[in-house]
Amino acid sequence: MSNKRKKQVTIYDLATELNVAPSTVSRALKDHYSIGKATITAVKELARKRGYRTNILASSLRTRESNTIGVLVPWINRPFISSLIHGVEAAARESGYNVIISQSQDSYDHEVANAKTLFSSRIHALVVSLAMQTTDYEHLEEISSSGTPVIFVDRVPSTLDGHRVVIDNVRSARLATQHLIDQGCRRIALFKGASHQIIYHERECGYREALQANDLRVDDELILTSDHLTLEEGNRLARQLLQSPHPPDGIFSTNDNAAVGAIKCARELGVAVPEQLAIIGFNNDPVCEIIDPPLSSVTHPAVEMGRMALQQALRVANAKMPVTERRIELETQLVPRASSLRRR
């Protein structure tokens, strides 16, 4: 079998075969009003037969933009993020746009480099969920100030204004903590990400508010910070607490991965869940129904957040006048399961 690449068919090849001008072929492929229906049909039929593909790069160089949306997220292998990407991609496809996805792996340096690469690709807009390490937003300000819309989703900047799609993290964390209190927990630990990320700061605020509303003391030794909130980190943090002189009787983890790690640790140490240790996570990932006992959680409307972020990106990118910065806030719900239900 020959490995020689076949010559790519161009607009000029189609024009020569049809004996029309290249500009006529170009307009026909775009259903331009100036081209007759018969010519459009003939051009598209020949393009299909010859395997013609639009040269997206050349088109973007001419128009100074593309029909591609950049998506920059911390991790593509996390269920919440993959669902968010699904929402972005589905909404983009419905509107005739493509998506390029890049992950920072929670590294600020990777985020900066990837953002610059996406911008160099002449993206139409950029949808961003910040890396855990990110505290400076200059790289994103530069893209926004150039005229390319930047839409923040979930992990959003604390000191930079802009379009954003979020949930009410304070209320959601308050609900999760109150649920544990309602189940009889009095020493409730919190697993959270870096406090400079506003979502974790807000979830800690909700946790504190619930404790204070129930006249329970906030013990800072029960508030533990994780680098990435992985299963392994959840296991380590739970072990640290459960082997302490005054272990908690409840854990609120600000994601499900770390909560699953806590359940596994409790099992390894012979601590009964939920009888001795009630646990609730956040995101309502599929793993919640697989782990034993099933994990209580808080829903996080990832797909809808992705769709809304994409729709807002297109509204801003395609507007003829400046669009006022908008905060879109979606609802969450508590999903109680066996990992926390002491009182049925």
Protein backbone atom coordinates (compact mmCIF):
# COMPACT_ATOMS: atom_id res chain seq x y z
CA MET A 1 0.00 0.00 0.00
CA SER A 2 1.39 3.40 -0.97
CA ASN A 3 1.98 5.91 1.85
CA LYS A 4 2.04 8.79 -0.61
CA ARG A 5 -0.45 11.47 0.47
CA LYS A 6 -3.10 12.29 -2.12
CA LYS A 7 -3.13 15.86 -3.45
CA GLN A 8 -5.68 17.96 -1.62
CA VAL A 9 -8.51 19.24 -3.80
CA THR A 10 -8.76 23.03 -3.87
CA ILE A 11 -11.40 25.57 -4.85
CA TYR A 12 -9.35 26.19 -7.99
CA ASP A 13 -9.59 22.51 -9.01
CA LEU A 14 -13.36 22.61 -8.62
CA ALA A 15 -13.59 25.88 -10.55
CA THR A 16 -11.54 24.52 -13.43
CA GLU A 17 -13.67 21.37 -13.70
CA LEU A 18 -16.92 23.33 -13.61
CA ASN A 19 -15.56 26.12 -15.85
CA VAL A 20 -16.50 28.85 -13.39
CA ALA A 21 -14.55 31.41 -11.39
CA PRO A 22 -12.98 30.32 -8.04
CA SER A 23 -14.97 33.09 -6.35
CA THR A 24 -18.17 31.47 -7.63
CA VAL A 25 -17.18 28.15 -6.05
CA SER A 26 -16.31 29.89 -2.78
CA ARG A 27 -19.66 31.68 -2.64
CA ALA A 28 -21.60 28.57 -3.66
CA LEU A 29 -20.07 26.58 -0.81
CA LYS A 30 -21.34 29.28 1.57
CA ASP A 31 -24.84 29.37 0.02
CA HIS A 32 -24.32 32.99 -0.97
CA TYR A 33 -27.49 34.74 -2.17
CA SER A 34 -25.76 35.88 -5.39
CA ILE A 35 -25.29 32.30 -6.64
CA GLY A 36 -28.13 30.38 -8.27
CA LYS A 37 -29.47 27.19 -6.69
CA ALA A 38 -28.42 25.03 -9.65
CA THR A 39 -24.83 26.25 -9.42
CA ILE A 40 -24.76 25.75 -5.64
CA THR A 41 -26.01 22.19 -6.08
CA ALA A 42 -23.45 21.43 -8.80
CA VAL A 43 -20.56 22.87 -6.78
CA LYS A 44 -21.48 21.00 -3.61
CA GLU A 45 -22.01 17.73 -5.46
CA LEU A 46 -18.61 17.94 -7.16
CA ALA A 47 -16.95 18.96 -3.88
CA ARG A 48 -18.43 15.87 -2.23
CA LYS A 49 -17.28 13.56 -5.05
CA ARG A 50 -13.76 14.98 -5.10
CA GLY A 51 -13.40 14.93 -1.31
CA TYR A 52 -12.98 18.70 -1.02
CA ARG A 53 -12.48 20.04 2.51
CA THR A 54 -12.65 23.69 3.55
CA ASN A 55 -9.27 25.09 4.48
CA ILE A 56 -10.19 26.46 7.89
CA LEU A 57 -6.74 27.93 8.53
CA ALA A 58 -6.69 29.86 5.28
CA SER A 59 -10.19 31.13 5.94
CA SER A 60 -9.25 32.33 9.41
CA LEU A 61 -6.19 34.12 8.07
CA ARG A 62 -8.40 36.04 5.65
CA THR A 63 -11.09 36.97 8.16
CA ARG A 64 -8.67 37.43 11.11
CA GLU A 65 -10.80 35.03 13.16
CA SER A 66 -12.10 31.47 13.05
CA ASN A 67 -15.22 29.54 13.92
CA THR A 68 -13.32 27.81 16.72
CA ILE A 69 -13.97 28.23 20.44
CA GLY A 70 -11.07 27.64 22.83
CA VAL A 71 -11.77 25.74 26.05
CA LEU A 72 -9.15 25.84 28.81
CA VAL A 73 -9.82 23.65 31.85
CA PRO A 74 -7.80 22.17 34.74
CA TRP A 75 -8.28 18.44 33.96
CA ILE A 76 -10.17 16.79 31.13
CA ASN A 77 -10.40 13.44 32.97
CA ARG A 78 -12.54 14.72 35.86
CA PRO A 79 -16.25 13.84 35.47
CA PHE A 80 -17.40 17.39 36.21
CA ILE A 81 -15.01 18.91 33.66
CA SER A 82 -15.76 16.31 30.97
CA SER A 83 -19.48 17.02 31.43
CA LEU A 84 -18.82 20.75 31.22
CA ILE A 85 -16.86 20.24 27.99
CA HIS A 86 -19.73 18.15 26.64
CA GLY A 87 -22.08 21.09 27.23
CA VAL A 88 -19.72 23.53 25.51
CA GLU A 89 -19.13 21.24 22.53
CA ALA A 90 -22.81 20.39 22.03
CA ALA A 91 -23.86 24.05 22.08
CA ALA A 92 -20.96 25.00 19.79
CA ARG A 93 -21.88 22.33 17.25
CA GLU A 94 -25.51 23.48 17.22
CA SER A 95 -24.29 26.98 16.38
CA GLY A 96 -21.83 25.87 13.69
CA TYR A 97 -18.64 26.25 15.73
CA ASN A 98 -15.75 23.90 16.51
CA VAL A 99 -13.99 23.47 19.85
CA ILE A 100 -10.31 23.17 20.78
CA ILE A 101 -9.74 21.81 24.30
CA SER A 102 -6.63 22.34 26.40
CA GLN A 103 -5.89 21.36 30.01
CA SER A 104 -3.67 23.16 32.49
CA GLN A 105 -3.34 20.22 34.91
CA ASP A 106 -3.92 22.84 37.64
CA SER A 107 -0.60 24.51 36.74
CA TYR A 108 -0.46 28.30 36.34
CA ASP A 109 2.48 28.04 33.92
CA HIS A 110 0.63 25.52 31.75
CA GLU A 111 -2.47 27.70 31.79
CA VAL A 112 -0.50 30.74 30.59
CA ALA A 113 1.21 28.77 27.81
CA ASN A 114 -1.99 27.08 26.68
CA ALA A 115 -3.95 30.33 26.69
CA LYS A 116 -1.34 31.94 24.44
CA THR A 117 -1.40 28.95 22.08
CA LEU A 118 -5.17 29.07 21.81
CA PHE A 119 -5.13 32.82 21.21
CA SER A 120 -2.51 32.37 18.48
CA SER A 121 -4.92 29.95 16.80
CA ARG A 122 -7.29 32.91 16.24
CA ILE A 123 -10.08 31.50 18.39
CA HIS A 124 -13.46 33.22 18.23
CA ALA A 125 -13.82 33.16 22.05
CA LEU A 126 -12.27 31.48 25.09
CA VAL A 127 -14.09 29.56 27.84
CA VAL A 128 -11.91 29.16 30.97
CA SER A 129 -12.02 27.32 34.27
CA LEU A 130 -8.96 28.40 36.23
CA ALA A 131 -6.06 26.22 37.35
CA MET A 132 -5.76 25.65 41.11
CA GLN A 133 -2.44 27.57 41.14
CA THR A 134 -3.70 30.64 39.29
CA THR A 135 -3.67 33.90 41.24
CA ASP A 136 -2.61 36.27 38.45
CA TYR A 137 -4.87 36.87 35.46
CA GLU A 138 -2.74 39.06 33.20
CA HIS A 139 -2.59 36.42 30.45
CA LEU A 140 -6.40 36.34 30.30
CA GLU A 141 -6.73 40.13 30.55
CA GLU A 142 -4.50 40.45 27.49
CA ILE A 143 -6.73 38.13 25.47
CA SER A 144 -9.88 39.93 26.58
CA SER A 145 -8.46 43.39 25.89
CA SER A 146 -7.54 42.26 22.36
CA GLY A 147 -11.25 41.84 21.60
CA THR A 148 -11.49 38.06 22.03
CA PRO A 149 -14.24 37.34 24.59
CA VAL A 150 -13.20 35.40 27.70
CA ILE A 151 -15.96 33.61 29.62
CA PHE A 152 -15.14 32.19 33.05
CA VAL A 153 -16.95 29.10 34.32
CA ASP A 154 -16.95 27.43 37.77
CA ARG A 155 -13.44 28.42 38.92
CA VAL A 156 -13.57 32.15 38.29
CA PRO A 157 -11.20 35.02 39.19
CA SER A 158 -11.60 36.73 42.54
CA THR A 159 -10.17 40.10 41.47
CA LEU A 160 -10.95 40.29 37.75
CA ASP A 161 -14.36 41.30 36.42
CA GLY A 162 -15.79 39.46 33.45
CA HIS A 163 -18.53 37.25 32.12
CA ARG A 164 -18.98 34.17 34.30
CA VAL A 165 -21.17 31.11 34.77
CA VAL A 166 -21.26 29.85 38.34
CA ILE A 167 -23.33 28.28 41.11
CA ASP A 168 -24.11 29.65 44.58
CA ASN A 169 -21.20 27.96 46.34
CA VAL A 170 -21.99 29.45 49.75
CA ARG A 171 -25.57 28.19 49.74
CA SER A 172 -24.56 24.78 48.35
CA ALA A 173 -21.91 24.26 51.06
CA ARG A 174 -24.32 25.42 53.72
CA LEU A 175 -26.85 22.81 52.54
CA ALA A 176 -24.24 20.03 52.62
CA THR A 177 -23.01 20.95 56.10
CA GLN A 178 -26.54 21.39 57.45
CA HIS A 179 -27.39 17.92 56.16
CA LEU A 180 -24.58 16.42 58.26
CA ILE A 181 -25.74 18.40 61.29
CA ASP A 182 -29.29 17.14 60.77
CA GLN A 183 -27.89 13.60 60.82
CA GLY A 184 -26.41 14.21 64.29
CA CYS A 185 -22.84 15.23 63.38
CA ARG A 186 -21.18 17.72 65.71
CA ARG A 187 -17.48 17.61 64.71
CA ILE A 188 -17.53 18.14 60.96
CA ALA A 189 -14.31 18.33 58.95
CA LEU A 190 -13.93 20.20 55.67
CA PHE A 191 -11.76 19.14 52.72
CA LYS A 192 -11.20 22.09 50.39
CA GLY A 193 -9.00 23.36 47.60
CA ALA A 194 -6.79 26.46 47.69
CA SER A 195 -8.55 29.40 49.36
CA HIS A 196 -7.39 31.87 46.68
CA GLN A 197 -9.77 30.05 44.35
CA ILE A 198 -13.04 31.76 45.10
CA ILE A 199 -15.17 28.61 44.83
CA TYR A 200 -13.32 26.98 47.74
CA HIS A 201 -13.34 30.18 49.75
CA GLU A 202 -17.11 30.44 49.23
CA ARG A 203 -17.68 26.79 50.15
CA GLU A 204 -15.71 27.29 53.33
CA CYS A 205 -17.90 30.31 54.09
CA GLY A 206 -21.03 28.19 53.66
CA TYR A 207 -19.57 25.49 55.92
CA ARG A 208 -18.77 28.04 58.62
CA GLU A 209 -22.18 29.68 58.35
CA ALA A 210 -23.95 26.34 58.90
CA LEU A 211 -21.87 25.54 61.97
CA GLN A 212 -22.40 28.99 63.46
CA ALA A 213 -26.14 28.90 62.76
CA ASN A 214 -26.31 25.71 64.86
CA ASP A 215 -24.09 27.02 67.67
CA LEU A 216 -21.30 24.60 66.76
CA ARG A 217 -17.69 25.67 67.23
CA VAL A 218 -15.57 26.13 64.11
CA ASP A 219 -12.40 24.12 64.71
CA ASP A 220 -9.71 25.23 62.28
CA GLU A 221 -7.87 21.94 62.83
CA LEU A 222 -10.77 20.23 61.03
CA ILE A 223 -10.39 22.44 57.92
CA LEU A 224 -7.84 20.81 55.61
CA THR A 225 -6.57 22.06 52.25
CA SER A 226 -5.75 19.72 49.37
CA ASP A 227 -3.56 20.44 46.34
CA HIS A 228 -5.81 18.71 43.81
CA LEU A 229 -8.61 17.04 45.86
CA THR A 230 -7.71 13.62 44.47
CA LEU A 231 -8.85 10.27 45.86
CA GLU A 232 -5.37 9.70 47.28
CA GLU A 233 -5.34 13.10 48.98
CA GLY A 234 -8.79 12.44 50.44
CA ASN A 235 -7.53 9.16 51.87
CA ARG A 236 -4.49 10.89 53.39
CA LEU A 237 -6.48 13.75 54.92
CA ALA A 238 -9.08 11.37 56.37
CA ARG A 239 -6.34 9.18 57.88
CA GLN A 240 -4.76 12.25 59.47
CA LEU A 241 -8.08 13.17 61.11
CA LEU A 242 -9.28 9.70 62.08
CA GLN A 243 -6.01 8.87 63.80
CA SER A 244 -6.03 12.12 65.79
CA PRO A 245 -7.06 12.26 69.48
CA HIS A 246 -10.37 13.93 68.59
CA PRO A 247 -11.56 12.55 65.24
CA PRO A 248 -14.51 14.07 63.38
CA ASP A 249 -17.91 12.41 63.12
CA GLY A 250 -18.61 13.98 59.75
CA ILE A 251 -16.68 15.09 56.63
CA PHE A 252 -17.80 17.57 53.97
CA SER A 253 -15.50 17.27 50.97
CA THR A 254 -15.72 20.00 48.34
CA ASN A 255 -15.42 17.39 45.61
CA ASP A 256 -16.40 13.73 45.27
CA ASN A 257 -12.94 12.30 44.56
CA ALA A 258 -11.58 13.26 47.97
CA ALA A 259 -14.81 12.10 49.63
CA VAL A 260 -14.41 8.65 48.06
CA GLY A 261 -10.86 8.60 49.38
CA ALA A 262 -12.25 9.32 52.85
CA ILE A 263 -14.73 6.41 52.59
CA LYS A 264 -11.92 4.04 51.57
CA CYS A 265 -9.77 5.24 54.45
CA ALA A 266 -12.60 4.74 56.95
CA ARG A 267 -13.07 1.20 55.68
CA GLU A 268 -9.34 0.49 56.02
CA LEU A 269 -9.35 1.77 59.61
CA GLY A 270 -12.53 -0.06 60.60
CA VAL A 271 -14.58 3.15 61.01
CA ALA A 272 -18.23 2.56 60.13
CA VAL A 273 -19.78 4.88 57.53
CA PRO A 274 -22.16 6.55 58.27
CA GLU A 275 -22.65 5.32 61.86
CA GLN A 276 -19.30 6.64 63.13
CA LEU A 277 -18.41 8.94 60.25
CA ALA A 278 -20.95 10.55 57.90
CA ILE A 279 -19.50 11.79 54.59
CA ILE A 280 -20.81 14.06 51.84
CA GLY A 281 -19.08 15.20 48.66
CA PHE A 282 -19.71 17.76 45.94
CA ASN A 283 -20.42 17.46 42.15
CA ASN A 284 -22.55 14.29 42.19
CA ASP A 285 -20.09 12.44 39.95
CA PRO A 286 -20.98 8.91 38.69
CA VAL A 287 -18.63 7.40 41.30
CA CYS A 288 -21.15 8.44 43.98
CA GLU A 289 -23.41 5.52 43.04
CA ILE A 290 -20.56 3.03 42.60
CA ILE A 291 -18.74 3.39 45.93
CA ASP A 292 -20.02 1.42 48.95
CA PRO A 293 -21.80 2.96 50.71
CA PRO A 294 -23.13 5.27 47.97
CA LEU A 295 -21.87 8.82 48.47
CA SER A 296 -24.13 11.74 49.34
CA SER A 297 -23.32 14.80 47.26
CA VAL A 298 -24.46 18.14 45.85
CA THR A 299 -25.42 18.36 42.20
CA HIS A 300 -23.26 20.57 40.01
CA PRO A 301 -25.01 21.31 36.67
CA ALA A 302 -21.86 20.90 34.59
CA VAL A 303 -23.45 20.30 31.18
CA GLU A 304 -25.78 23.28 31.53
CA MET A 305 -22.90 25.45 32.76
CA GLY A 306 -20.94 24.52 29.64
CA ARG A 307 -23.87 25.31 27.36
CA MET A 308 -24.51 28.65 29.05
CA ALA A 309 -20.83 29.59 28.88
CA LEU A 310 -20.70 28.87 25.15
CA GLN A 311 -23.92 30.76 24.45
CA GLN A 312 -22.65 33.76 26.39
CA ALA A 313 -19.33 33.59 24.52
CA LEU A 314 -21.13 33.76 21.17
CA ARG A 315 -23.41 36.57 22.34
CA VAL A 316 -20.37 38.64 23.25
CA ALA A 317 -18.27 37.67 20.23
CA ASN A 318 -20.99 38.32 17.68
CA ALA A 319 -22.49 41.48 19.22
CA LYS A 320 -22.20 44.68 17.21
CA MET A 321 -22.14 46.75 20.42
CA PRO A 322 -20.31 46.11 23.73
CA VAL A 323 -22.14 43.59 25.95
CA THR A 324 -22.48 44.32 29.67
CA GLU A 325 -20.57 41.81 31.79
CA ARG A 326 -22.96 39.19 33.09
CA ARG A 327 -22.97 36.70 35.96
CA ILE A 328 -25.10 33.61 35.29
CA GLU A 329 -25.88 31.56 38.40
CA LEU A 330 -27.36 28.05 38.20
CA GLU A 331 -29.14 26.02 40.89
CA THR A 332 -27.77 23.04 42.83
CA GLN A 333 -29.50 20.34 44.87
CA LEU A 334 -28.61 18.08 47.78
CA VAL A 335 -28.54 14.34 46.92
CA PRO A 336 -28.53 12.33 50.17
CA ARG A 337 -27.32 8.72 50.02
CA ALA A 338 -26.21 6.03 52.44
CA SER A 339 -22.79 7.56 53.24
CA SER A 340 -24.45 10.21 55.41
CA LEU A 341 -27.94 8.96 56.22
CA ARG A 342 -27.98 8.03 59.90
CA ARG A 343 -31.61 9.04 60.37
CA ARG A 344 -34.00 7.54 57.85
